[in-house]
Protein backbone atom coordinates (compact mmCIF):
# COMPACT_ATOMS: atom_id res chain seq x y z
CA MET A 1 27.85 54.89 12.93
CA ASP A 2 24.79 54.76 10.68
CA MET A 3 26.75 52.53 8.34
CA GLU A 4 27.46 50.06 11.18
CA LYS A 5 23.79 49.98 12.15
CA LEU A 6 22.75 49.44 8.53
CA LEU A 7 25.33 46.68 8.13
CA SER A 8 24.19 45.04 11.38
CA GLU A 9 20.54 45.08 10.23
CA LEU A 10 21.54 43.67 6.87
CA VAL A 11 23.48 40.81 8.52
CA PHE A 12 20.50 40.10 10.80
CA LYS A 13 18.11 39.95 7.82
CA LEU A 14 20.50 37.74 5.85
CA LYS A 15 20.71 35.28 8.75
CA GLY A 16 16.91 35.10 8.83
CA ILE A 17 16.76 34.52 5.07
CA MET A 18 19.45 31.81 5.32
CA LYS A 19 17.55 30.00 8.09
CA LYS A 20 14.35 30.05 6.03
CA ALA A 21 16.20 28.93 2.90
CA SER A 22 17.87 26.09 4.82
CA LEU A 23 14.51 24.94 6.17
CA ILE A 24 12.96 25.04 2.69
CA ILE A 25 15.87 23.06 1.23
CA LEU A 26 15.59 20.47 4.02
CA VAL A 27 11.86 20.08 3.44
CA LEU A 28 12.42 19.69 -0.31
CA ILE A 29 15.11 17.07 0.21
CA LEU A 30 13.01 15.09 2.66
CA SER A 31 9.91 15.26 0.49
CA SER A 32 11.86 14.13 -2.55
CA CYS A 33 13.25 11.08 -0.75
CA ASN A 34 11.55 8.13 -2.31
CA GLY A 35 11.26 5.19 0.04
CA TYR A 36 11.13 1.63 -1.08
CA ILE A 37 7.67 0.80 0.15
CA TYR A 38 6.23 -1.37 -2.57
CA ASP A 39 2.59 -1.45 -3.56
CA ASN A 40 0.72 -4.30 -5.25
CA LYS A 41 1.84 -3.32 -8.78
CA ASP A 42 5.49 -3.11 -7.73
CA LEU A 43 5.34 -6.52 -6.11
CA GLU A 44 3.73 -8.00 -9.22
CA LYS A 45 6.88 -7.01 -11.15
CA ILE A 46 8.96 -8.67 -8.45
CA LEU A 47 6.97 -11.86 -7.96
CA GLY A 48 5.60 -12.34 -11.47
CA VAL A 49 2.04 -12.92 -10.26
CA LYS A 50 -0.98 -10.77 -9.45
CA VAL A 51 -0.92 -9.41 -5.89
CA ASN A 52 -4.52 -8.91 -4.76
CA GLU A 53 -4.13 -8.55 -1.03
CA LEU A 54 -1.12 -7.13 0.73
CA ASP A 55 -0.54 -6.24 4.36
CA GLU A 56 2.45 -4.12 5.19
CA LEU A 57 3.58 -5.56 8.52
CA TYR A 58 6.72 -3.54 9.24
CA THR A 59 8.76 -0.75 7.68
CA TYR A 60 12.02 0.86 8.75
CA GLU A 61 14.01 3.26 6.61
CA GLU A 62 17.10 5.34 7.25
CA ALA A 63 19.09 7.52 4.88
CA SER A 64 22.64 8.00 6.07
CA GLY A 65 24.26 10.06 3.35
CA ILE A 66 23.70 12.40 0.45
CA GLN A 67 24.94 9.92 -2.15
CA GLY A 68 22.15 7.41 -1.68
CA GLU A 69 23.58 5.53 1.29
CA GLY A 70 21.03 4.05 3.61
CA TYR A 71 18.84 1.08 4.19
CA VAL A 72 15.26 -0.05 4.12
CA PHE A 73 13.64 -3.00 5.90
CA ASN A 74 10.11 -3.92 4.75
CA LYS A 75 8.01 -6.93 5.69
CA TYR A 76 4.74 -7.87 3.97
CA LYS A 77 2.09 -10.54 4.41
CA LEU A 78 0.90 -11.94 1.09
CA SER A 79 -2.42 -13.62 0.41
CA LYS A 80 -2.57 -17.41 0.13
CA LYS A 81 -3.59 -17.05 -3.54
CA THR A 82 -0.57 -14.85 -4.32
CA VAL A 83 1.83 -17.35 -2.74
CA ASP A 84 0.13 -20.33 -4.42
CA ASP A 85 0.31 -18.57 -7.79
CA PHE A 86 3.98 -17.79 -7.21
CA LEU A 87 4.77 -21.40 -6.28
CA GLN A 88 3.05 -22.62 -9.48
CA LEU A 89 4.78 -20.01 -11.67
CA LYS A 90 6.94 -21.75 -14.27
CA THR A 91 8.88 -18.59 -15.19
CA LYS A 92 10.33 -17.63 -11.78
CA ASN A 93 13.68 -17.21 -13.54
CA SER A 94 12.19 -14.20 -15.41
CA PHE A 95 11.47 -12.24 -12.25
CA PRO A 96 11.91 -9.77 -10.71
CA ARG A 97 11.98 -7.23 -13.49
CA LYS A 98 14.46 -4.37 -13.39
CA ASP A 99 13.17 -0.83 -13.05
CA SER A 100 15.04 2.28 -14.20
CA TYR A 101 16.66 2.72 -10.76
CA LYS A 102 18.28 -0.71 -10.96
CA LYS A 103 19.13 -0.79 -14.67
CA ASP A 104 22.87 -0.99 -13.88
CA TRP A 105 22.51 -3.54 -11.08
CA GLN A 106 23.16 -7.26 -11.43
CA LEU A 107 20.25 -9.62 -10.78
CA LEU A 108 19.92 -13.08 -9.35
CA ASN A 109 16.38 -14.23 -10.19
CA TRP A 110 14.20 -16.22 -7.81
CA LYS A 111 15.92 -19.32 -6.43
CA LYS A 112 14.73 -21.77 -3.83
CA GLY A 113 17.03 -22.48 -0.90
CA LEU A 114 19.80 -20.09 -1.92
CA ARG A 115 22.73 -19.96 0.50
CA LEU A 116 23.74 -16.37 1.19
CA ASN A 117 27.45 -15.73 1.55
CA THR A 118 28.89 -14.08 4.67
CA ASN A 119 29.60 -10.81 2.86
CA ILE A 120 25.89 -10.40 2.14
CA LEU A 121 24.92 -11.51 5.64
CA ASP A 122 27.42 -9.02 7.08
CA LEU A 123 25.57 -6.17 5.37
CA PHE A 124 22.63 -6.85 7.70
CA THR A 125 24.70 -5.58 10.63
CA VAL A 126 23.70 -2.02 9.66
CA PHE A 127 20.37 -2.74 11.32
CA GLN A 128 22.08 -3.69 14.59
CA GLN A 129 23.49 -0.19 15.08
CA HIS A 130 20.28 1.08 16.61
CA ASP A 131 18.55 0.80 19.93
CA ASN A 132 15.27 -0.01 18.23
CA SER A 133 13.68 -3.06 19.86
CA ALA A 134 11.03 -3.49 17.13
CA LEU A 135 13.71 -3.46 14.44
CA SER A 136 15.81 -5.94 16.46
CA GLU A 137 12.86 -8.33 16.71
CA GLU A 138 12.14 -8.05 12.99
CA LEU A 139 15.81 -8.62 12.14
CA SER A 140 15.90 -11.67 14.40
CA GLU A 141 12.85 -13.12 12.64
CA LEU A 142 14.42 -12.46 9.24
CA LYS A 143 17.67 -14.15 10.29
CA THR A 144 15.77 -17.29 11.28
CA ASN A 145 14.37 -17.34 7.74
CA LEU A 146 17.63 -16.71 5.90
CA ASN A 147 19.31 -19.69 4.27
CA SER A 148 16.26 -21.89 4.73
CA SER A 149 16.00 -24.53 2.03
CA ASN A 150 12.24 -23.93 1.79
CA ASN A 151 12.35 -20.19 1.16
CA TYR A 152 12.77 -18.32 -2.12
CA TYR A 153 15.34 -15.59 -2.69
CA SER A 154 16.08 -12.98 -5.30
CA ILE A 155 18.82 -10.37 -5.14
CA PHE A 156 19.72 -7.20 -7.00
CA PHE A 157 23.33 -6.23 -6.32
CA LYS A 158 25.94 -3.71 -7.37
CA ASP A 159 29.55 -4.67 -7.98
CA SER A 160 29.92 -8.39 -7.35
CA PHE A 161 27.75 -11.01 -5.68
CA ASP A 162 30.67 -12.06 -3.47
CA GLU A 163 31.33 -8.51 -2.24
CA PRO A 164 28.41 -6.22 -3.05
CA TYR A 165 28.33 -2.61 -1.90
CA ALA A 166 24.60 -2.35 -2.52
CA ILE A 167 21.90 -5.01 -2.42
CA GLU A 168 18.19 -5.36 -2.56
CA ILE A 169 17.17 -8.79 -1.36
CA PHE A 170 13.76 -10.41 -1.45
CA VAL A 171 13.05 -13.35 0.86
CA LEU A 172 9.76 -15.21 0.56
CA ASN A 173 8.67 -17.75 3.15
CA PRO A 174 5.79 -19.58 1.41
CA PHE A 175 4.61 -21.29 4.61
CA ASN A 176 3.78 -18.16 6.59
CA ARG A 177 3.31 -16.04 3.40
CA THR A 178 5.86 -13.44 4.53
CA LEU A 179 7.91 -11.41 2.08
CA TRP A 180 10.88 -9.36 3.24
CA VAL A 181 12.35 -6.62 1.06
CA ILE A 182 15.69 -5.32 2.28
CA ASN A 183 17.67 -2.60 0.52
CA ILE A 184 21.15 -1.69 1.75
CA THR A 185 23.44 0.79 0.04
CA THR A 186 26.80 1.46 1.69
């Protein structure tokens, strides 16, 4: 009888320890998640020009798996000077620069008026899975800017450009000075 009581107390204590350990592990995982919110220095490596002023207009991020699956939707407002400097940049084909995270990714440097294929456009449907009206509005605005002959595009992709399983796309509308950064890993 005493053995049963001792065993019962031990099981109760172990359950408490497991709950605490699970909570600690969850907190560590969440705190180690590194979002893709770029600061001025990061965007300088992407655009190839100094970024003095930057307004983060919208951010949405969702991780959907333990192997890096998920997506990020960021929208920034750039200063007029930053956009003007970018438009005058003669070496757009040298940017963006790869970081260690994307060392094995393929890169399509900045191009004006790039036509995105349907396989890339289809990846944007991951954002339509949610009942998030703000995200829906932002996605709608982005879609009106995609495939515009006046905008600039750059894309990091894994696998092939025709059928990527991971992309990070940059879309710059020089007229309203908006930069979208979208990262999708399936």
